Structure formats: C-alpha cells, structure tokens
Amino acid sequence: MKKGFLITNGLALFFAIVSIGWLIYDFIAYGILFPKIRRLEPLTATDVNLDRFIDYGLLIFLLFPIISFIAIASQFRYFRKASALRVIALILGMFSCLLLFADIAGLSDVFNEYEKGNVAGEWKLLYVVAALRALCFLAIIGCLIEAFKQYRKIRTEDKVLKDEVLFTLVHCVGVFCGLAGLFFSNVAFIFRLAHPLLYYTFPIIFALTLIPYGLLAAYWLITLLNEKSGDLYDEKQFQDISKAGLLSTLITVPFLAMIYVVNYNVPRGPIEILWFPFYLYFVILIFSLTSLYFSWRD
C-alpha cells in the first residue's frame, strides 16, 4: 500500500520541482523578451528559442496539475481526515489548468500585435497568470509535503474504502467543475464567438473542465466496487444520491427544453455546439449540490 503512495506522490513532487523551475524560466524569459517587444526591436534567434521553450512549458503546466490531482485524490485512501489544504490544492490544480487558456491567448495576442507594430498591454496579463499559477503550485506542493510528513503514520487498517470524506470530496469537485463549465459556456454564448473558433477551442475547454470530476468520480466508483461487503453505498448515501438524481432530472430537463425552444430558429448559432456541454455542466452542478445538501442536512 505504501509503495503506491510513494510512487504517485513522488512523481507529483518531481513534476512540481520541474514546474517551479519552468515558472522561474518564464519570468526570466518575459523579462528579456517583453522590453524588446514593447520597443518593437527585431527578435534574434536566441529570442525565438526563448519563446519556443515558453510554449514547451505549457505542456508541463498541464501535466503537473493532472498528476498531482491523481496523487492528492489517492491520499484519501490513506488519510481519513480531509484537510482543508488537500481540498484547496485539488481546486487550485483545476484552476491552474484553466489558466492555460489565458497563456495561449496572451502569447498569441502579444506576438500578433508585435508583427503588426502596435503592442498594447496584453503582455502584463502573462505576468499575472504566471503569478497565479505560482500560488496554485505552491499550495499543491505544500499538500504533497504534508502527505509525506504523515507517511509514517499510515497503517493498513486506515485505508478508506467507504467513507463520507470521499463522498463529500467528489461532489465538492463536481460543484467547482459545474460552475467553471457553466461560466465558459455562458461566456461563449453571450459574446457569440465565431463558429470556427468555438468549434475548435470549446472541446478542449470541455475536456479540461470535466477531467478532474471524471477522474475523481471514476476513482470513487472503483473504490466502491472493491468493497468486500458488496454494498456500494450505505443506506443514507443511497437515499441522498437517489433524491439528488431525481431533483437533477426535474430541474435540468425543463430548463434545457426552454433553451432549445428559445434558440430553435437561430441558424448555426453557438447553441448548436454549447447545448450538450451546458446541459452536462448543469446536471453535474445540480446533482453535486443536492447530494451535498441532503448529506449535510441530516
């Protein structure tokens, strides 16, 4: 059991060190590139290579939160107490993934404006995004270090298989993913993004906002299926989930029908791409909220 803990958390800590190092590189590269870009000076081959490694770093910034999410979620098998730091680290890890879109948009705008000879202040956004990402990564690293400190206290009998902590965690993450997904869906709908842009970019946002909830829900399901007692839920959890599922259906289906009727005559509008993600986000949000409500009410 401890071997699996060491592998997942050790790998996450390794990527944490690499990610922090790459963040430091980004700050240095920004300090070299952006003064030249603001003055519209020609970029050398070295400057182009600096920018190329900034792009490579985006992959690291995507992998680290995903790996750390798996590592931190697995910690709930070994530690019965759901510390605030673990929950915060999970949420900040998801948030740091979403920051990638700000990176891509900011870098694209800066270099497009540079080529046109009219640089505005978008480069400042990249500093803000890097600072926010650093805060997210520090919280995750703190969680990993805390887990290693508690490593010696792990006992086989402490393994959590059917626990209220994991039940609550899944639905807390579901609330966050549902809200994040609804936010992006509404932004795309309100601003009426061009069809080609929406067509190619929204599936990526859709996947990133669902990955955390999907991973954790799958882990929860696997944990429940491994129960030796043969009972997937205790009686209270089964009642909570049943009531939450019923309310989710009763609330979301009429709402979706209303959206469909209102946009029926809109040709090739954003709704034709957004309707299913919007519905799924809404179901996850309502299901998670109602599950938590019935769980905490009793």
Protein backbone atom coordinates (compact mmCIF):
# COMPACT_ATOMS: atom_id res chain seq x y z
CA MET A 1 0.00 0.00 0.00
CA LYS A 2 2.77 2.43 0.94
CA LYS A 3 4.58 1.70 -2.32
CA GLY A 4 1.66 3.08 -4.35
CA PHE A 5 1.57 6.15 -2.14
CA LEU A 6 5.29 6.80 -2.71
CA ILE A 7 5.05 6.34 -6.48
CA THR A 8 2.12 8.68 -7.09
CA ASN A 9 3.17 11.39 -4.65
CA GLY A 10 6.85 11.10 -5.57
CA LEU A 11 6.05 11.53 -9.26
CA ALA A 12 3.85 14.53 -8.47
CA LEU A 13 6.62 16.09 -6.38
CA PHE A 14 9.11 15.57 -9.23
CA PHE A 15 6.80 17.37 -11.67
CA ALA A 16 6.31 20.07 -9.04
CA ILE A 17 10.05 20.79 -8.98
CA VAL A 18 10.18 20.82 -12.80
CA SER A 19 7.15 23.13 -12.97
CA ILE A 20 8.53 25.62 -10.45
CA GLY A 21 11.81 25.65 -12.37
CA TRP A 22 9.94 26.30 -15.61
CA LEU A 23 7.96 29.11 -13.98
CA ILE A 24 11.21 30.78 -12.97
CA TYR A 25 12.40 30.38 -16.56
CA ASP A 26 9.19 32.02 -17.82
CA PHE A 27 9.69 35.07 -15.60
CA ILE A 28 13.28 35.41 -16.83
CA ALA A 29 12.25 34.95 -20.48
CA TYR A 30 9.45 37.52 -20.10
CA GLY A 31 11.95 39.97 -18.68
CA ILE A 32 14.17 39.52 -21.73
CA LEU A 33 11.51 39.38 -24.46
CA PHE A 34 8.85 41.89 -23.46
CA PRO A 35 11.09 45.01 -23.27
CA LYS A 36 12.21 44.28 -26.84
CA ILE A 37 8.63 43.65 -27.95
CA ARG A 38 7.40 46.91 -26.40
CA ARG A 39 10.17 48.81 -28.23
CA LEU A 40 9.38 46.86 -31.42
CA GLU A 41 13.00 45.73 -31.70
CA PRO A 42 13.80 42.79 -34.00
CA LEU A 43 13.98 39.44 -32.21
CA THR A 44 17.14 37.38 -32.54
CA ALA A 45 17.36 33.62 -32.97
CA THR A 46 18.03 33.35 -29.23
CA ASP A 47 14.82 35.29 -28.50
CA VAL A 48 12.85 32.93 -30.75
CA ASN A 49 14.28 29.95 -28.84
CA LEU A 50 13.29 31.56 -25.55
CA ASP A 51 9.72 31.84 -26.81
CA ARG A 52 9.76 28.25 -28.04
CA PHE A 53 10.65 26.95 -24.57
CA ILE A 54 7.86 29.07 -23.07
CA ASP A 55 5.50 27.12 -25.33
CA TYR A 56 7.03 23.80 -24.25
CA GLY A 57 6.42 24.77 -20.65
CA LEU A 58 2.65 24.87 -21.24
CA LEU A 59 2.69 21.08 -21.59
CA ILE A 60 4.44 20.76 -18.21
CA PHE A 61 1.90 23.14 -16.68
CA LEU A 62 -0.86 20.85 -17.95
CA LEU A 63 0.72 17.57 -16.84
CA PHE A 64 1.66 18.65 -13.32
CA PRO A 65 -1.88 19.54 -12.13
CA ILE A 66 -3.26 16.31 -13.63
CA ILE A 67 -0.61 14.13 -11.98
CA SER A 68 -0.89 15.99 -8.67
CA PHE A 69 -4.69 15.64 -8.82
CA ILE A 70 -4.34 11.87 -9.05
CA ALA A 71 -1.77 11.84 -6.24
CA ILE A 72 -3.81 14.03 -3.88
CA ALA A 73 -7.04 12.18 -4.63
CA SER A 74 -5.29 8.90 -3.80
CA GLN A 75 -4.26 10.33 -0.44
CA PHE A 76 -7.86 9.98 0.70
CA ARG A 77 -7.34 6.21 0.70
CA TYR A 78 -4.70 6.57 3.37
CA PHE A 79 -5.71 9.58 5.46
CA ARG A 80 -9.19 9.65 6.93
CA LYS A 81 -9.06 13.36 7.66
CA ALA A 82 -9.87 15.58 4.69
CA SER A 83 -7.67 18.56 5.45
CA ALA A 84 -8.60 21.94 4.05
CA LEU A 85 -5.20 22.06 2.31
CA ARG A 86 -5.97 18.92 0.28
CA VAL A 87 -9.34 20.21 -0.90
CA ILE A 88 -7.86 23.64 -1.73
CA ALA A 89 -4.96 22.01 -3.59
CA LEU A 90 -7.35 19.96 -5.73
CA ILE A 91 -9.41 23.01 -6.66
CA LEU A 92 -6.34 25.17 -7.35
CA GLY A 93 -4.92 22.40 -9.53
CA MET A 94 -8.05 22.52 -11.69
CA PHE A 95 -7.87 26.31 -11.77
CA SER A 96 -4.23 26.22 -12.92
CA CYS A 97 -5.25 24.04 -15.88
CA LEU A 98 -7.79 26.64 -16.94
CA LEU A 99 -5.08 29.31 -16.77
CA LEU A 100 -3.52 27.69 -19.84
CA PHE A 101 -6.16 29.35 -21.99
CA ALA A 102 -5.09 32.76 -20.68
CA ASP A 103 -1.47 31.85 -21.51
CA ILE A 104 -2.29 30.81 -25.06
CA ALA A 105 -4.49 33.84 -25.70
CA GLY A 106 -1.99 36.26 -24.15
CA LEU A 107 1.05 34.94 -26.00
CA SER A 108 -0.86 34.87 -29.28
CA ASP A 109 -2.05 38.47 -28.86
CA VAL A 110 1.38 39.79 -27.87
CA PHE A 111 3.17 38.34 -30.89
CA ASN A 112 0.35 39.17 -33.31
CA GLU A 113 0.42 42.80 -32.17
CA TYR A 114 4.22 42.81 -32.37
CA GLU A 115 4.06 41.72 -36.01
CA LYS A 116 1.54 44.49 -36.71
CA GLY A 117 3.75 47.08 -34.98
CA ASN A 118 1.22 48.04 -32.30
CA VAL A 119 1.89 46.44 -28.91
CA ALA A 120 -0.68 47.09 -26.19
CA GLY A 121 -0.61 45.85 -22.59
CA GLU A 122 -1.57 42.20 -23.06
CA TRP A 123 1.92 41.15 -22.00
CA LYS A 124 1.08 42.27 -18.45
CA LEU A 125 -1.61 39.57 -18.34
CA LEU A 126 1.08 36.90 -18.71
CA TYR A 127 2.83 38.11 -15.56
CA VAL A 128 -0.46 37.95 -13.65
CA VAL A 129 -1.19 34.45 -14.95
CA ALA A 130 2.31 33.27 -14.02
CA ALA A 131 1.94 34.70 -10.50
CA LEU A 132 -1.45 32.99 -10.05
CA ARG A 133 -0.01 29.72 -11.31
CA ALA A 134 2.88 30.01 -8.85
CA LEU A 135 0.41 30.38 -5.96
CA CYS A 136 -1.52 27.32 -7.16
CA PHE A 137 1.64 25.25 -7.47
CA LEU A 138 2.88 26.28 -4.01
CA ALA A 139 -0.40 25.13 -2.46
CA ILE A 140 -0.12 21.78 -4.27
CA ILE A 141 3.50 21.35 -3.18
CA GLY A 142 2.52 22.15 0.40
CA CYS A 143 -0.12 19.43 0.24
CA LEU A 144 2.37 16.89 -1.13
CA ILE A 145 4.93 17.74 1.54
CA GLU A 146 2.28 17.44 4.26
CA ALA A 147 1.37 13.99 2.94
CA PHE A 148 4.99 12.83 3.07
CA LYS A 149 5.24 14.05 6.67
CA GLN A 150 2.27 11.88 7.56
CA TYR A 151 3.74 8.93 5.66
CA ARG A 152 4.99 7.12 8.77
CA LYS A 153 1.54 7.26 10.35
CA ILE A 154 -0.06 5.24 7.56
CA ARG A 155 -1.42 1.90 8.71
CA THR A 156 -3.12 -0.70 6.53
CA GLU A 157 -6.28 -0.57 8.60
CA ASP A 158 -6.56 3.16 7.93
CA LYS A 159 -7.33 2.61 4.26
CA VAL A 160 -10.56 4.37 3.35
CA LEU A 161 -12.92 2.31 1.20
CA LYS A 162 -16.37 3.63 2.01
CA ASP A 163 -16.03 6.97 3.70
CA GLU A 164 -18.05 10.17 3.91
CA VAL A 165 -14.87 12.13 3.17
CA LEU A 166 -14.54 10.77 -0.36
CA PHE A 167 -18.28 11.13 -0.96
CA THR A 168 -18.12 14.80 0.01
CA LEU A 169 -14.94 15.43 -1.98
CA VAL A 170 -16.39 14.08 -5.22
CA HIS A 171 -19.38 16.37 -5.01
CA CYS A 172 -17.35 19.43 -3.95
CA VAL A 173 -15.22 18.96 -7.07
CA GLY A 174 -18.43 18.43 -9.06
CA VAL A 175 -19.74 21.80 -7.88
CA PHE A 176 -16.49 23.53 -8.93
CA CYS A 177 -16.39 21.81 -12.35
CA GLY A 178 -20.05 22.56 -12.96
CA LEU A 179 -19.63 26.24 -12.12
CA ALA A 180 -16.45 26.53 -14.22
CA GLY A 181 -18.10 24.83 -17.18
CA LEU A 182 -21.21 26.98 -16.96
CA PHE A 183 -19.04 30.09 -16.80
CA PHE A 184 -17.17 29.23 -20.01
CA SER A 185 -20.37 28.13 -21.75
CA ASN A 186 -22.13 31.38 -20.90
CA VAL A 187 -19.14 33.49 -21.96
CA ALA A 188 -19.06 31.73 -25.33
CA PHE A 189 -22.82 32.16 -25.75
CA ILE A 190 -23.10 35.79 -24.59
CA PHE A 191 -20.20 37.03 -26.73
CA ARG A 192 -21.36 34.95 -29.71
CA LEU A 193 -17.91 33.62 -30.54
CA ALA A 194 -17.31 32.88 -34.20
CA HIS A 195 -18.34 29.37 -35.18
CA PRO A 196 -14.88 28.14 -36.33
CA LEU A 197 -13.21 29.45 -33.14
CA LEU A 198 -15.87 27.86 -30.93
CA TYR A 199 -15.79 24.65 -32.93
CA TYR A 200 -12.06 24.05 -32.37
CA THR A 201 -11.49 25.54 -28.91
CA PHE A 202 -14.52 24.59 -26.86
CA PRO A 203 -13.95 20.79 -27.00
CA ILE A 204 -10.59 21.42 -25.28
CA ILE A 205 -12.22 23.54 -22.57
CA PHE A 206 -14.96 20.92 -22.27
CA ALA A 207 -12.40 18.17 -21.66
CA LEU A 208 -10.27 20.14 -19.21
CA THR A 209 -13.22 21.13 -17.04
CA LEU A 210 -14.53 17.56 -16.92
CA ILE A 211 -11.25 15.68 -16.40
CA PRO A 212 -10.96 16.40 -12.63
CA TYR A 213 -14.53 15.36 -11.87
CA GLY A 214 -14.28 12.35 -14.19
CA LEU A 215 -11.04 11.12 -12.60
CA LEU A 216 -12.29 11.52 -9.06
CA ALA A 217 -15.71 10.02 -9.80
CA ALA A 218 -14.04 7.04 -11.50
CA TYR A 219 -11.73 6.58 -8.52
CA TRP A 220 -14.73 6.74 -6.17
CA LEU A 221 -16.60 4.15 -8.25
CA ILE A 222 -13.61 1.80 -8.35
CA THR A 223 -13.21 2.16 -4.60
CA LEU A 224 -16.87 1.32 -4.06
CA LEU A 225 -16.70 -1.69 -6.38
CA ASN A 226 -13.75 -3.02 -4.36
CA GLU A 227 -15.84 -3.10 -1.18
CA LYS A 228 -15.72 -6.61 0.25
CA SER A 229 -19.10 -6.16 1.86
CA GLY A 230 -20.77 -5.95 -1.56
CA ASP A 231 -22.65 -2.77 -0.66
CA LEU A 232 -21.80 0.15 -2.91
CA TYR A 233 -23.34 2.73 -0.59
CA ASP A 234 -24.57 2.83 2.94
CA GLU A 235 -28.31 3.41 3.26
CA LYS A 236 -28.01 7.16 3.89
CA GLN A 237 -25.74 7.77 0.89
CA PHE A 238 -28.07 5.77 -1.36
CA GLN A 239 -31.05 7.87 -0.27
CA ASP A 240 -29.08 11.11 -0.73
CA ILE A 241 -27.94 10.16 -4.24
CA SER A 242 -31.43 8.97 -5.24
CA LYS A 243 -33.04 12.23 -4.16
CA ALA A 244 -30.26 14.26 -5.79
CA GLY A 245 -30.65 12.36 -9.07
CA LEU A 246 -34.41 12.91 -9.12
CA LEU A 247 -34.09 16.63 -8.43
CA SER A 248 -31.33 16.97 -11.05
CA THR A 249 -33.63 15.49 -13.70
CA LEU A 250 -36.68 17.52 -12.67
CA ILE A 251 -34.72 20.79 -12.69
CA THR A 252 -32.43 20.41 -15.71
CA VAL A 253 -34.72 18.83 -18.32
CA PRO A 254 -37.35 21.65 -18.33
CA PHE A 255 -34.55 24.22 -18.30
CA LEU A 256 -32.88 22.63 -21.31
CA ALA A 257 -36.21 22.41 -23.13
CA MET A 258 -36.71 26.15 -22.61
CA ILE A 259 -33.24 26.91 -24.02
CA TYR A 260 -33.96 24.68 -27.01
CA VAL A 261 -37.28 26.39 -27.81
CA VAL A 262 -35.84 29.90 -27.48
CA ASN A 263 -32.93 29.13 -29.84
CA TYR A 264 -34.79 26.83 -32.26
CA ASN A 265 -34.80 29.34 -35.11
CA VAL A 266 -31.22 30.57 -34.62
CA PRO A 267 -29.20 29.23 -37.59
CA ARG A 268 -25.71 27.97 -36.77
CA GLY A 269 -25.59 29.87 -33.50
CA PRO A 270 -23.35 28.96 -30.56
CA ILE A 271 -26.18 26.93 -29.04
CA GLU A 272 -25.68 24.12 -31.56
CA ILE A 273 -22.23 23.48 -30.07
CA LEU A 274 -22.90 24.54 -26.49
CA TRP A 275 -26.19 22.81 -25.71
CA PHE A 276 -24.78 19.46 -24.64
CA PRO A 277 -21.83 20.79 -22.58
CA PHE A 278 -24.14 23.31 -20.94
CA TYR A 279 -26.64 20.59 -20.05
CA LEU A 280 -23.94 18.28 -18.69
CA TYR A 281 -22.37 21.02 -16.57
CA PHE A 282 -25.78 21.96 -15.23
CA VAL A 283 -26.59 18.35 -14.32
CA ILE A 284 -23.25 17.90 -12.54
CA LEU A 285 -23.73 21.12 -10.61
CA ILE A 286 -27.30 20.37 -9.51
CA PHE A 287 -26.51 16.72 -8.71
CA SER A 288 -23.46 17.63 -6.62
CA LEU A 289 -25.20 20.48 -4.81
CA THR A 290 -28.27 18.43 -3.94
CA SER A 291 -26.16 15.43 -2.85
CA LEU A 292 -24.18 17.67 -0.51
CA TYR A 293 -27.34 19.36 0.74
CA PHE A 294 -29.10 16.10 1.64
CA SER A 295 -25.89 14.71 3.13
CA TRP A 296 -25.21 17.73 5.35
CA ARG A 297 -28.87 18.35 6.23
CA ASP A 298 -29.14 15.03 8.03
